[in-house]
Structure formats: C-alpha cells, structure tokens
Amino acid sequence: MTTLTLAPLPPLLILQKAPPSQTRSPCFHTQLSPTSLKQQLSDQKTGVIVIGAGLAGLAAATRLNSQNIPFVLLEASDAVGGRVRTDVVDGFLLDRGFQIFITAYPEAQKLLDYQSLELQKFYSGARIYFDGQFHTVADPLCHFFDSVKSLANPIGSVIDKLLIALTRIQVLGKSDDEITRADEPFYGGIFFDRDLGTTSRLFDFIFKCLALGDNTLPAKGIGAIPNQLASKLPPDSISLNTRVVSVGLDKDQTTPMPFVRLENGDVLQSELGVIVAIEEPHVNELLAETSVIEPVQSKRPARSTVCLYFSADRDGIPVRDPVLFLNGSGKGIVNNMFFATNVAPSYGPLGKALVSVSLIGLFDDRSDADLIDEVILELSGWFGGSVVGSWKHLRTYRIGYAQPNQCPPTDLMKNPKIGPGLYLCGDHLTSATFDGALASGRRAAEALLRDGAFIKV
C-alpha cells in the first residue's frame, strides 16, 4: 500500500475527450495527468482533500481556493456536477432529471455569474390539468391579468388563491435564517413528495425564493452551473475518475487526522483535513473505518423520480409558452411536464422540440417500455393522440436518489464537523436545494478553516 501526502499541485491539466457516441456530457471534463497522483504529489506542505465534485464539493473547494488553501478535489465519475449533469443526445440537452434553477437563491447569487449562464425564464405560474382541461394559475405580481382570470377557474377556491398571496407576503417578511431556524412550522410540509411530508420550513424558503426570483434553465443545460464553478478553480485541482473507497483516521498521530483510500489501493493523507461531499446513502459506507463517528445516514427513504424525454417537431407542439404543466387530476402517473425548448430553445436542434416528463417514484414494477407507453397514453388525453403519438422517445432517467428525505423532524443547520479533521457537507445537511448544497459546502470549508485558524470567518 502506498501512502501519499497531498501538496500544492503542479500544472497537470489535460482535457478528457468524451468517447465517440451519440451521447456525451457537456460537463467539465478535466483530470490530473494519467502519470498518476503518486508521481505528481510531493512532500511539500499538505492541503485539503475534498471528496465529491457535486455542488457541495465544488462550493467547499471554491471557499478554500478563495483563501489560497491548497486542496485536491476527487471525483469518482467522468465529470463534475454530481446529480446536476446534462447529457447531449442527438443534439438535445437532457438534464439528468427535472431540475430548475431559482434565481433568488441567496448562496447561488454569491457564487455564480448569472449573465454567463444565459438563464432562460419559465412563465411565472403553471397550467394545471384538471377535469379534462387546463387551468392557468399565475403569479399576480408577474402576470396580473392572468391571475385575475384564474380566480374563476376550479383549481382551489378564491380564498385559497388569496391565501397564496398572503403566504407570499408572509415569507417575504422573514429572513433566510428565520425560515431555516423556525421552531414552529408555518405550514404542513409540501415539497417534492406526494405525501406532502417535507418540513414546512423548507417550503417557506422555496416559496420565498420563488416570490423574489424566477424559475430558469441555463441555456447550456443545468450542468452549466457546476461547470462554471469548476472553471474558476485551479486547473490542476480536480481529479476525475478517482474513486474513494474509504476514509480512516490515523490514530498514531498526536491529533488523529483522516486519510483517504482510493480504489486502486493508494492512500492519500492531508494535514489540514478531509471534506466529504458525497450523497447521503454512501456516507456511512465511506466512513466505516472512522469508528469515532456516529452513523450520519438517514433511515428514511430518499426521494426518487423518473424523467422521460421525447423529441417532437417544433411546429407540431400544442403550445409555445415556457410554462410548466401540472397534473391536478389525481389520476395517472405523470406529475409534471413541459416543453423544454419553449423555455430554452438551445435545448434542441433547429426545428425540434424537447418534451420533458417527470414522475414521482422509481416505478420498479414497470419496464422502460411500459412507462413510455403509459406516459404517451396519459398525455394523449391531455394534448390529443395525433399530437403525442408523433413524439419520439429519447431517453429515460431513473434516479433513485433525487434528493434526501426531509420530513420533520429535520435539522436544517447540522454541524459539518463529524470527527478530527473530518467534515461533511451536502444538501442532506441543509435543504434539499441547489442553494442548500452550495451553502453546506461553504460551511464545511469554513469549519475546517476555523479549526485550523487559517482565517477569521
């Protein structure tokens, strides 16, 4: 077994080309030279190991980089982003699952260059399929006349709609910390699950962000967000296709410090600490050797989803508006759908439309072919069989871990330090949002920096 000591890394950036196929990812493909970490790392002053290049890991690395703290970011897959990835299939941009970016996310506003993302806006409202027809529900501050007309539709009573407006006012009057730390939830939980069991504090936060900002898609796909973060890091700091199999503690030192074991058997050590930024289901397995650490994984089932993509002729789709369609019928398997190219024309080739359909759950009892047939049949009832029957299936994504389960009781401000020199981050520690992942990564890095007394944060 070879033990390596992390140091400030020399310029080793190479570009990793995607394999020739119809499918590729536009995600950030950089990697340390194949001459291997062992040959490139020396006995200089050691840095920080960050495990996982999703949003949380990238945010942690960004914070370390801002203080000139040497680090290496280890990612098991072929690109950065974690769950926030975009694939290119036949000229279409396919996000890995239904994901939208809300411009009012406070942490994202600090880290991201919105202009370069070329954010494309959704309509501020939705069309709900109910009782055999569509009904528009609009944001009164963005689409006043649409919202007035919606008072007459059967989706909720007039009082319900006025209460939504009141909710908007109430959450706008709260600070982000007040929402996160509230002792008494203001509403029952309603967030990405049919049982509406997610903590209402998270709903308040999302509702506030929706009230202050826009639902958007980056022109180059949702993967443009982690790509941008990665592009601002030192080019020699990211190692792709580098799987970490375990983290342990070196108890022979006066102050036990963590070490990292790679899939190839190499061991990396760092004097400054290790930040674990991986998905919640894999945390306990990775930390099994660190016996001083209590299990951190939730026993509650994660939120799962299936996302199906179809192509269509752009002049043959039934709407041109960048609007989200919701299933309010209480029947069928479709939860929501939209025409992605209506929001961001760059999501499809010229003259083609991209259709995105989302289901809640994994539907393990159905094959992909069965799901395709069922979705086509259901949406034919929405838009007509002659329209939907011409759509061509592109890809189905089954995402077992779409987001952590955040049913109450939920602590949205968990301590990132879990052991000597060992820190944890991810949306399972804060809120199951892009913003939660970014904030969690920053907090983990700042906890490490405080412990090391490198800066005053």
Protein backbone atom coordinates (compact mmCIF):
# COMPACT_ATOMS: atom_id res chain seq x y z
CA MET A 1 0.00 0.00 0.00
CA THR A 2 1.39 3.39 -0.98
CA THR A 3 0.85 6.43 1.22
CA LEU A 4 0.78 9.81 -0.49
CA THR A 5 1.00 13.27 1.04
CA LEU A 6 -1.07 15.98 -0.60
CA ALA A 7 0.71 19.14 -1.62
CA PRO A 8 0.05 22.18 -3.79
CA LEU A 9 -0.27 20.57 -7.18
CA PRO A 10 1.79 21.47 -10.27
CA PRO A 11 0.05 22.32 -13.56
CA LEU A 12 -1.23 18.94 -14.73
CA LEU A 13 -4.42 19.82 -16.56
CA ILE A 14 -5.36 17.78 -19.58
CA LEU A 15 -8.61 17.69 -21.47
CA GLN A 16 -10.50 14.42 -21.33
CA LYS A 17 -12.39 13.79 -24.55
CA ALA A 18 -15.81 12.20 -24.41
CA PRO A 19 -16.00 8.77 -26.05
CA PRO A 20 -17.36 8.75 -29.59
CA SER A 21 -21.08 8.05 -29.34
CA GLN A 22 -24.43 9.72 -29.75
CA THR A 23 -24.39 10.58 -26.07
CA ARG A 24 -21.97 12.92 -24.38
CA SER A 25 -21.99 15.25 -21.44
CA PRO A 26 -21.08 18.92 -21.79
CA CYS A 27 -19.94 18.84 -18.17
CA PHE A 28 -16.50 19.98 -17.11
CA HIS A 29 -14.07 17.22 -18.16
CA THR A 30 -10.70 17.84 -16.55
CA GLN A 31 -8.37 15.45 -14.87
CA LEU A 32 -4.93 15.21 -13.34
CA SER A 33 -2.38 13.74 -15.72
CA PRO A 34 -2.55 9.96 -16.11
CA THR A 35 1.03 9.80 -14.85
CA SER A 36 -0.94 9.34 -11.60
CA LEU A 37 -1.29 11.19 -8.35
CA LYS A 38 1.57 9.18 -6.86
CA GLN A 39 4.14 10.55 -9.30
CA GLN A 40 2.88 14.12 -9.13
CA LEU A 41 2.40 14.75 -5.40
CA SER A 42 5.48 15.63 -3.37
CA ASP A 43 6.34 16.18 0.28
CA GLN A 44 5.50 19.88 0.25
CA LYS A 45 3.03 21.40 2.71
CA THR A 46 -0.11 19.33 2.63
CA GLY A 47 -3.58 20.58 1.76
CA VAL A 48 -7.21 19.53 1.99
CA ILE A 49 -8.88 16.54 0.34
CA VAL A 50 -12.42 17.19 -0.90
CA ILE A 51 -14.31 14.03 -1.88
CA GLY A 52 -17.06 14.55 -4.45
CA ALA A 53 -17.37 17.22 -7.15
CA GLY A 54 -21.08 17.88 -6.89
CA LEU A 55 -22.34 21.33 -5.96
CA ALA A 56 -21.39 20.95 -2.29
CA GLY A 57 -17.86 19.76 -3.04
CA LEU A 58 -17.35 22.49 -5.63
CA ALA A 59 -18.58 25.13 -3.18
CA ALA A 60 -16.21 23.83 -0.50
CA ALA A 61 -13.32 23.92 -2.97
CA THR A 62 -14.30 27.43 -4.04
CA ARG A 63 -14.15 28.64 -0.43
CA LEU A 64 -10.78 27.01 0.15
CA ASN A 65 -9.45 28.47 -3.07
CA SER A 66 -10.58 31.96 -2.05
CA GLN A 67 -8.21 31.68 0.93
CA ASN A 68 -5.35 30.17 -1.11
CA ILE A 69 -5.59 26.90 0.81
CA PRO A 70 -4.16 24.03 -1.28
CA PHE A 71 -6.64 21.25 -1.99
CA VAL A 72 -7.44 18.42 -4.34
CA LEU A 73 -10.99 17.57 -5.41
CA LEU A 74 -11.53 13.85 -6.04
CA GLU A 75 -14.47 12.79 -8.21
CA ALA A 76 -15.39 9.18 -8.97
CA SER A 77 -17.22 9.89 -12.24
CA ASP A 78 -16.05 11.33 -15.55
CA ALA A 79 -17.20 14.92 -14.91
CA VAL A 80 -18.16 17.36 -12.20
CA GLY A 81 -21.73 18.04 -11.12
CA GLY A 82 -22.91 15.02 -9.16
CA ARG A 83 -26.68 14.90 -9.68
CA VAL A 84 -26.53 18.18 -11.59
CA ARG A 85 -25.50 16.89 -15.01
CA THR A 86 -26.59 17.39 -18.60
CA ASP A 87 -26.16 14.88 -21.43
CA VAL A 88 -26.23 15.62 -25.15
CA VAL A 89 -28.30 13.11 -27.11
CA ASP A 90 -28.93 13.62 -30.84
CA GLY A 91 -28.41 17.36 -30.43
CA PHE A 92 -30.77 17.68 -27.43
CA LEU A 93 -29.69 18.78 -23.96
CA LEU A 94 -31.05 16.28 -21.45
CA ASP A 95 -30.74 17.25 -17.81
CA ARG A 96 -30.48 14.21 -15.58
CA GLY A 97 -33.92 14.58 -14.11
CA PHE A 98 -36.27 17.53 -13.87
CA GLN A 99 -34.26 20.39 -12.38
CA ILE A 100 -34.87 24.12 -12.39
CA PHE A 101 -32.72 26.95 -11.10
CA ILE A 102 -34.32 29.69 -8.98
CA THR A 103 -32.50 33.00 -9.41
CA ALA A 104 -33.27 34.21 -5.87
CA TYR A 105 -31.20 31.50 -4.18
CA PRO A 106 -29.02 33.64 -1.86
CA GLU A 107 -25.93 31.40 -1.84
CA ALA A 108 -26.04 30.98 -5.60
CA GLN A 109 -26.15 34.75 -6.05
CA LYS A 110 -22.81 35.00 -4.25
CA LEU A 111 -21.07 32.25 -6.22
CA LEU A 112 -22.44 32.24 -9.76
CA ASP A 113 -22.22 34.57 -12.73
CA TYR A 114 -25.85 34.60 -13.86
CA GLN A 115 -25.14 36.52 -17.04
CA SER A 116 -22.75 33.92 -18.42
CA LEU A 117 -25.26 31.16 -17.59
CA GLU A 118 -27.72 32.82 -20.00
CA LEU A 119 -30.67 31.92 -17.80
CA GLN A 120 -33.93 31.31 -19.66
CA LYS A 121 -37.14 32.01 -17.73
CA PHE A 122 -40.24 29.91 -17.17
CA TYR A 123 -43.66 31.53 -17.10
CA SER A 124 -44.38 32.63 -13.51
CA GLY A 125 -47.21 30.23 -12.91
CA ALA A 126 -48.43 26.90 -14.21
CA ARG A 127 -51.13 25.19 -16.22
CA ILE A 128 -52.94 22.53 -14.27
CA TYR A 129 -54.71 19.63 -15.95
CA PHE A 130 -57.97 19.12 -14.09
CA ASP A 131 -61.38 17.79 -15.06
CA GLY A 132 -60.32 17.25 -18.68
CA GLN A 133 -58.94 20.72 -19.35
CA PHE A 134 -56.12 23.10 -18.48
CA HIS A 135 -56.41 25.92 -15.97
CA THR A 136 -53.81 28.66 -15.61
CA VAL A 137 -52.58 29.66 -12.17
CA ALA A 138 -50.43 32.79 -12.38
CA ASP A 139 -48.26 34.91 -10.10
CA PRO A 140 -50.29 38.12 -9.63
CA LEU A 141 -47.17 40.28 -9.38
CA CYS A 142 -45.81 38.99 -12.69
CA HIS A 143 -48.99 38.23 -14.66
CA PHE A 144 -51.75 40.31 -13.10
CA PHE A 145 -54.44 39.82 -15.74
CA ASP A 146 -53.79 36.07 -15.96
CA SER A 147 -54.09 35.84 -12.18
CA VAL A 148 -57.39 37.74 -12.20
CA LYS A 149 -58.77 35.35 -14.81
CA SER A 150 -57.56 32.40 -12.74
CA LEU A 151 -59.91 33.39 -9.89
CA ALA A 152 -62.72 31.86 -11.91
CA ASN A 153 -61.06 28.50 -12.55
CA PRO A 154 -61.87 25.47 -10.37
CA ILE A 155 -58.32 24.98 -9.04
CA GLY A 156 -58.84 25.98 -5.43
CA SER A 157 -61.31 28.48 -4.06
CA VAL A 158 -60.93 32.25 -4.29
CA ILE A 159 -59.95 32.17 -0.61
CA ASP A 160 -57.23 29.61 -1.40
CA LYS A 161 -55.79 31.93 -4.02
CA LEU A 162 -55.87 34.89 -1.68
CA LEU A 163 -54.13 32.78 0.97
CA ILE A 164 -51.36 32.02 -1.53
CA ALA A 165 -50.91 35.76 -1.99
CA LEU A 166 -50.84 36.18 1.80
CA THR A 167 -48.27 33.40 2.11
CA ARG A 168 -46.12 35.25 -0.40
CA ILE A 169 -46.23 38.38 1.76
CA GLN A 170 -45.53 36.48 4.98
CA VAL A 171 -42.47 34.62 3.74
CA LEU A 172 -41.07 37.78 2.15
CA GLY A 173 -41.10 39.31 5.62
CA LYS A 174 -38.83 36.58 7.03
CA SER A 175 -35.07 36.40 6.81
CA ASP A 176 -33.48 33.23 5.44
CA ASP A 177 -32.21 32.37 8.94
CA GLU A 178 -35.67 32.85 10.45
CA ILE A 179 -37.12 30.44 7.91
CA THR A 180 -34.36 27.88 8.43
CA ARG A 181 -34.39 28.07 12.22
CA ALA A 182 -38.14 28.46 12.82
CA ASP A 183 -39.26 26.38 15.80
CA GLU A 184 -42.86 26.10 14.73
CA PRO A 185 -43.51 25.24 11.08
CA PHE A 186 -45.90 27.69 9.44
CA TYR A 187 -47.38 25.18 7.04
CA GLY A 188 -47.66 21.45 6.63
CA GLY A 189 -44.79 20.18 4.56
CA ILE A 190 -45.22 20.31 0.81
CA PHE A 191 -42.05 19.64 -1.10
CA PHE A 192 -41.45 17.12 -3.87
CA ASP A 193 -43.38 14.19 -2.43
CA ARG A 194 -46.93 13.03 -2.85
CA ASP A 195 -47.46 12.66 0.90
CA LEU A 196 -46.56 16.33 1.44
CA GLY A 197 -44.39 15.35 4.35
CA THR A 198 -41.35 17.60 3.85
CA THR A 199 -40.65 20.15 6.56
CA SER A 200 -42.62 23.36 6.05
CA ARG A 201 -39.52 25.41 6.82
CA LEU A 202 -38.10 24.21 3.53
CA PHE A 203 -41.35 25.09 1.80
CA ASP A 204 -41.17 28.61 3.27
CA PHE A 205 -37.64 29.02 1.95
CA ILE A 206 -38.52 27.82 -1.55
CA PHE A 207 -41.71 29.89 -1.62
CA LYS A 208 -39.74 32.98 -0.68
CA CYS A 209 -37.17 32.34 -3.42
CA LEU A 210 -39.95 31.84 -5.96
CA ALA A 211 -41.55 35.10 -4.85
CA LEU A 212 -38.28 37.01 -5.21
CA GLY A 213 -36.85 35.38 -8.33
CA ASP A 214 -37.52 33.41 -11.49
CA ASN A 215 -37.60 29.73 -12.38
CA THR A 216 -34.97 29.28 -15.06
CA LEU A 217 -32.83 26.93 -17.11
CA PRO A 218 -29.26 27.76 -18.16
CA ALA A 219 -29.00 27.93 -21.94
CA LYS A 220 -26.38 25.17 -21.97
CA GLY A 221 -28.23 22.88 -19.59
CA ILE A 222 -28.37 22.56 -15.83
CA GLY A 223 -24.84 21.13 -15.92
CA ALA A 224 -23.58 24.61 -16.80
CA ILE A 225 -23.87 25.50 -13.10
CA PRO A 226 -21.22 23.07 -11.78
CA ASN A 227 -19.18 23.64 -14.93
CA GLN A 228 -18.94 27.32 -14.10
CA LEU A 229 -17.84 26.63 -10.53
CA ALA A 230 -15.22 24.14 -11.71
CA SER A 231 -13.86 26.52 -14.33
CA LYS A 232 -12.92 29.01 -11.60
CA LEU A 233 -10.82 26.51 -9.66
CA PRO A 234 -7.12 25.89 -10.32
CA PRO A 235 -6.92 23.64 -13.39
CA ASP A 236 -4.72 21.13 -11.57
CA SER A 237 -7.02 20.72 -8.57
CA ILE A 238 -9.67 18.31 -9.91
CA SER A 239 -9.06 14.59 -10.36
CA LEU A 240 -11.84 12.77 -12.22
CA ASN A 241 -12.35 9.01 -12.41
CA THR A 242 -10.77 8.83 -8.94
CA ARG A 243 -12.96 6.75 -6.66
CA VAL A 244 -12.51 6.93 -2.90
CA VAL A 245 -13.48 3.67 -1.19
CA SER A 246 -12.94 4.62 2.44
CA VAL A 247 -11.88 7.31 4.86
CA GLY A 248 -10.00 6.44 8.05
CA LEU A 249 -8.28 8.18 10.96
CA ASP A 250 -4.54 7.94 11.59
CA LYS A 251 -4.60 7.50 15.37
CA ASP A 252 -0.81 7.22 15.60
CA GLN A 253 -0.57 11.00 15.36
CA THR A 254 -0.91 13.25 18.41
CA THR A 255 -4.02 14.68 16.82
CA PRO A 256 -5.71 11.96 14.75
CA MET A 257 -6.10 13.09 11.15
CA PRO A 258 -8.11 11.47 8.36
CA PHE A 259 -6.67 9.63 5.41
CA VAL A 260 -8.33 8.58 2.16
CA ARG A 261 -8.02 5.21 0.44
CA LEU A 262 -8.54 5.10 -3.32
CA GLU A 263 -9.98 2.26 -5.36
CA ASN A 264 -6.52 1.49 -6.77
CA GLY A 265 -5.18 0.92 -3.24
CA ASP A 266 -3.30 4.19 -2.88
CA VAL A 267 -3.71 6.14 0.36
CA LEU A 268 -3.76 9.94 0.50
CA GLN A 269 -3.09 11.88 3.68
CA SER A 270 -3.71 15.51 4.47
CA GLU A 271 -2.55 17.61 7.40
CA LEU A 272 -5.39 20.10 7.01
CA GLY A 273 -8.43 17.85 6.81
CA VAL A 274 -10.88 15.99 4.61
CA ILE A 275 -14.26 17.26 3.43
CA VAL A 276 -16.72 14.53 2.42
CA ALA A 277 -19.20 15.84 -0.15
CA ILE A 278 -21.00 12.74 -1.38
CA GLU A 279 -24.62 11.63 -1.47
CA GLU A 280 -26.15 10.67 1.85
CA PRO A 281 -26.70 6.93 1.10
CA HIS A 282 -22.94 6.40 0.65
CA VAL A 283 -21.69 8.35 3.68
CA ASN A 284 -21.77 5.55 6.25
CA GLU A 285 -20.04 3.09 3.93
CA LEU A 286 -17.26 5.56 3.20
CA LEU A 287 -16.75 6.42 6.87
CA ALA A 288 -16.98 2.88 8.26
CA GLU A 289 -13.31 2.87 9.33
CA THR A 290 -13.74 6.03 11.42
CA SER A 291 -15.22 4.29 14.43
CA VAL A 292 -15.34 7.50 16.47
CA ILE A 293 -18.07 8.81 14.19
CA GLU A 294 -21.72 8.13 14.84
CA PRO A 295 -23.78 6.99 11.84
CA VAL A 296 -25.00 10.01 9.92
CA GLN A 297 -27.22 8.45 7.30
CA SER A 298 -30.96 8.91 7.47
CA LYS A 299 -33.04 5.75 7.73
CA ARG A 300 -35.88 7.41 5.83
CA PRO A 301 -36.22 6.53 2.15
CA ALA A 302 -34.79 9.05 -0.29
CA ARG A 303 -36.93 10.85 -2.85
CA SER A 304 -36.88 9.13 -6.25
CA THR A 305 -38.04 10.17 -9.69
CA VAL A 306 -38.24 9.07 -13.30
CA CYS A 307 -37.72 11.58 -16.10
CA LEU A 308 -38.61 10.74 -19.70
CA TYR A 309 -37.56 12.79 -22.71
CA PHE A 310 -39.20 12.88 -26.11
CA SER A 311 -38.47 14.79 -29.30
CA ALA A 312 -41.10 16.40 -31.50
CA ASP A 313 -41.33 18.75 -34.44
CA ARG A 314 -41.30 22.26 -33.02
CA ASP A 315 -44.15 23.41 -35.24
CA GLY A 316 -46.28 20.47 -34.09
CA ILE A 317 -46.37 21.06 -30.33
CA PRO A 318 -49.61 22.42 -28.85
CA VAL A 319 -48.15 25.45 -27.01
CA ARG A 320 -45.35 27.96 -27.41
CA ASP A 321 -45.33 29.33 -23.87
CA PRO A 322 -42.47 28.48 -21.45
CA VAL A 323 -44.93 27.08 -18.94
CA LEU A 324 -44.88 24.10 -16.59
CA PHE A 325 -47.83 21.70 -16.84
CA LEU A 326 -49.01 20.02 -13.63
CA ASN A 327 -51.28 17.02 -13.18
CA GLY A 328 -54.12 18.11 -10.92
CA SER A 329 -56.45 15.28 -11.84
CA GLY A 330 -55.35 12.93 -9.09
CA LYS A 331 -55.05 10.21 -11.73
CA GLY A 332 -52.24 8.78 -13.83
CA ILE A 333 -48.50 8.65 -13.27
CA VAL A 334 -47.37 11.98 -14.76
CA ASN A 335 -46.59 14.57 -12.12
CA ASN A 336 -45.45 17.42 -14.36
CA MET A 337 -44.19 18.06 -17.86
CA PHE A 338 -43.02 20.93 -20.04
CA PHE A 339 -41.64 21.70 -23.45
CA ALA A 340 -38.02 22.49 -22.58
CA THR A 341 -37.30 24.18 -25.90
CA ASN A 342 -40.09 26.67 -25.19
CA VAL A 343 -38.08 27.77 -22.16
CA ALA A 344 -34.61 27.45 -23.69
CA PRO A 345 -34.54 26.97 -27.49
CA SER A 346 -30.92 25.81 -27.16
CA TYR A 347 -32.14 22.57 -25.57
CA GLY A 348 -32.94 21.16 -29.02
CA PRO A 349 -31.80 21.29 -32.65
CA LEU A 350 -33.34 23.82 -35.01
CA GLY A 351 -36.94 22.92 -35.77
CA LYS A 352 -37.16 20.33 -32.99
CA ALA A 353 -38.87 20.45 -29.60
CA LEU A 354 -37.79 18.69 -26.43
CA VAL A 355 -40.50 17.28 -24.18
CA SER A 356 -39.66 16.60 -20.52
CA VAL A 357 -41.99 14.42 -18.42
CA SER A 358 -41.48 13.75 -14.70
CA LEU A 359 -42.88 11.04 -12.45
CA ILE A 360 -42.59 10.72 -8.67
CA GLY A 361 -41.06 7.43 -7.55
CA LEU A 362 -38.98 4.79 -9.34
CA PHE A 363 -41.75 2.56 -10.74
CA ASP A 364 -39.61 -0.55 -10.28
CA ASP A 365 -42.56 -2.71 -11.27
CA ARG A 366 -42.59 -1.29 -14.80
CA SER A 367 -40.08 -1.59 -17.61
CA ASP A 368 -38.91 1.47 -19.51
CA ALA A 369 -41.04 0.40 -22.47
CA ASP A 370 -44.13 0.10 -20.27
CA LEU A 371 -43.53 3.55 -18.79
CA ILE A 372 -43.13 5.08 -22.24
CA ASP A 373 -46.42 3.56 -23.41
CA GLU A 374 -48.23 4.65 -20.25
CA VAL A 375 -46.93 8.21 -20.46
CA ILE A 376 -47.82 8.52 -24.15
CA LEU A 377 -51.33 7.26 -23.45
CA GLU A 378 -51.81 9.61 -20.50
CA LEU A 379 -50.52 12.70 -22.29
CA SER A 380 -52.63 11.85 -25.33
CA GLY A 381 -55.56 12.60 -23.04
CA TRP A 382 -54.03 15.99 -22.32
CA PHE A 383 -52.99 17.11 -25.79
CA GLY A 384 -54.58 14.64 -28.22
CA GLY A 385 -53.38 11.36 -29.62
CA SER A 386 -52.47 12.81 -33.02
CA VAL A 387 -50.06 15.23 -31.35
CA VAL A 388 -48.46 12.98 -28.74
CA GLY A 389 -48.39 9.93 -31.00
CA SER A 390 -45.74 11.57 -33.18
CA TRP A 391 -43.29 12.09 -30.32
CA LYS A 392 -40.10 10.01 -30.36
CA HIS A 393 -38.59 8.72 -27.13
CA LEU A 394 -35.03 9.89 -26.48
CA ARG A 395 -34.09 8.63 -23.02
CA THR A 396 -35.47 7.62 -19.64
CA TYR A 397 -33.65 8.51 -16.42
CA ARG A 398 -34.48 6.56 -13.27
CA ILE A 399 -33.00 8.47 -10.36
CA GLY A 400 -33.11 6.53 -7.12
CA TYR A 401 -31.58 9.33 -5.08
CA ALA A 402 -33.07 12.52 -6.48
CA GLN A 403 -32.94 14.29 -3.13
CA PRO A 404 -32.79 13.44 0.58
CA ASN A 405 -35.92 12.79 2.57
CA GLN A 406 -36.53 15.89 4.70
CA CYS A 407 -39.69 15.01 6.53
CA PRO A 408 -39.81 16.51 10.02
CA PRO A 409 -38.16 16.37 12.43
CA THR A 410 -35.36 17.83 10.32
CA ASP A 411 -32.36 19.86 11.43
CA LEU A 412 -31.52 22.18 8.53
CA MET A 413 -28.37 23.53 10.19
CA LYS A 414 -26.38 20.41 11.06
CA ASN A 415 -22.79 20.79 12.27
CA PRO A 416 -20.43 19.93 9.38
CA LYS A 417 -17.66 18.67 11.69
CA ILE A 418 -18.04 14.95 12.35
CA GLY A 419 -14.58 13.99 13.59
CA PRO A 420 -10.98 15.21 14.00
CA GLY A 421 -10.12 16.98 10.75
CA LEU A 422 -13.19 15.45 9.11
CA TYR A 423 -16.11 17.45 7.73
CA LEU A 424 -19.32 16.57 5.94
CA CYS A 425 -21.42 18.58 3.51
CA GLY A 426 -24.31 18.11 1.12
CA ASP A 427 -27.96 19.01 0.71
CA HIS A 428 -28.89 16.31 3.25
CA LEU A 429 -27.33 18.52 5.94
CA THR A 430 -29.20 21.69 5.00
CA SER A 431 -32.02 22.00 2.48
CA ALA A 432 -32.64 19.73 -0.49
CA THR A 433 -31.96 22.52 -2.98
CA PHE A 434 -29.12 23.81 -5.14
CA ASP A 435 -28.72 26.57 -2.60
CA GLY A 436 -28.59 24.15 0.31
CA ALA A 437 -25.80 22.17 -1.33
CA LEU A 438 -23.78 25.31 -2.07
CA ALA A 439 -24.24 26.70 1.45
CA SER A 440 -23.35 23.36 3.02
CA GLY A 441 -20.09 23.16 1.08
CA ARG A 442 -19.10 26.66 2.12
CA ARG A 443 -19.92 25.97 5.78
CA ALA A 444 -17.85 22.79 5.80
CA ALA A 445 -14.85 24.64 4.37
CA GLU A 446 -15.27 27.46 6.88
CA ALA A 447 -15.49 25.00 9.77
CA LEU A 448 -12.21 23.46 8.63
CA LEU A 449 -10.62 26.88 8.30
CA ARG A 450 -11.77 27.93 11.76
CA ASP A 451 -10.35 24.77 13.30
CA GLY A 452 -7.05 25.39 11.55
CA ALA A 453 -7.06 29.10 12.45
CA PHE A 454 -6.08 29.96 8.89
CA ILE A 455 -8.51 32.85 8.57
CA LYS A 456 -11.12 34.66 10.54
CA VAL A 457 -14.53 33.72 9.09
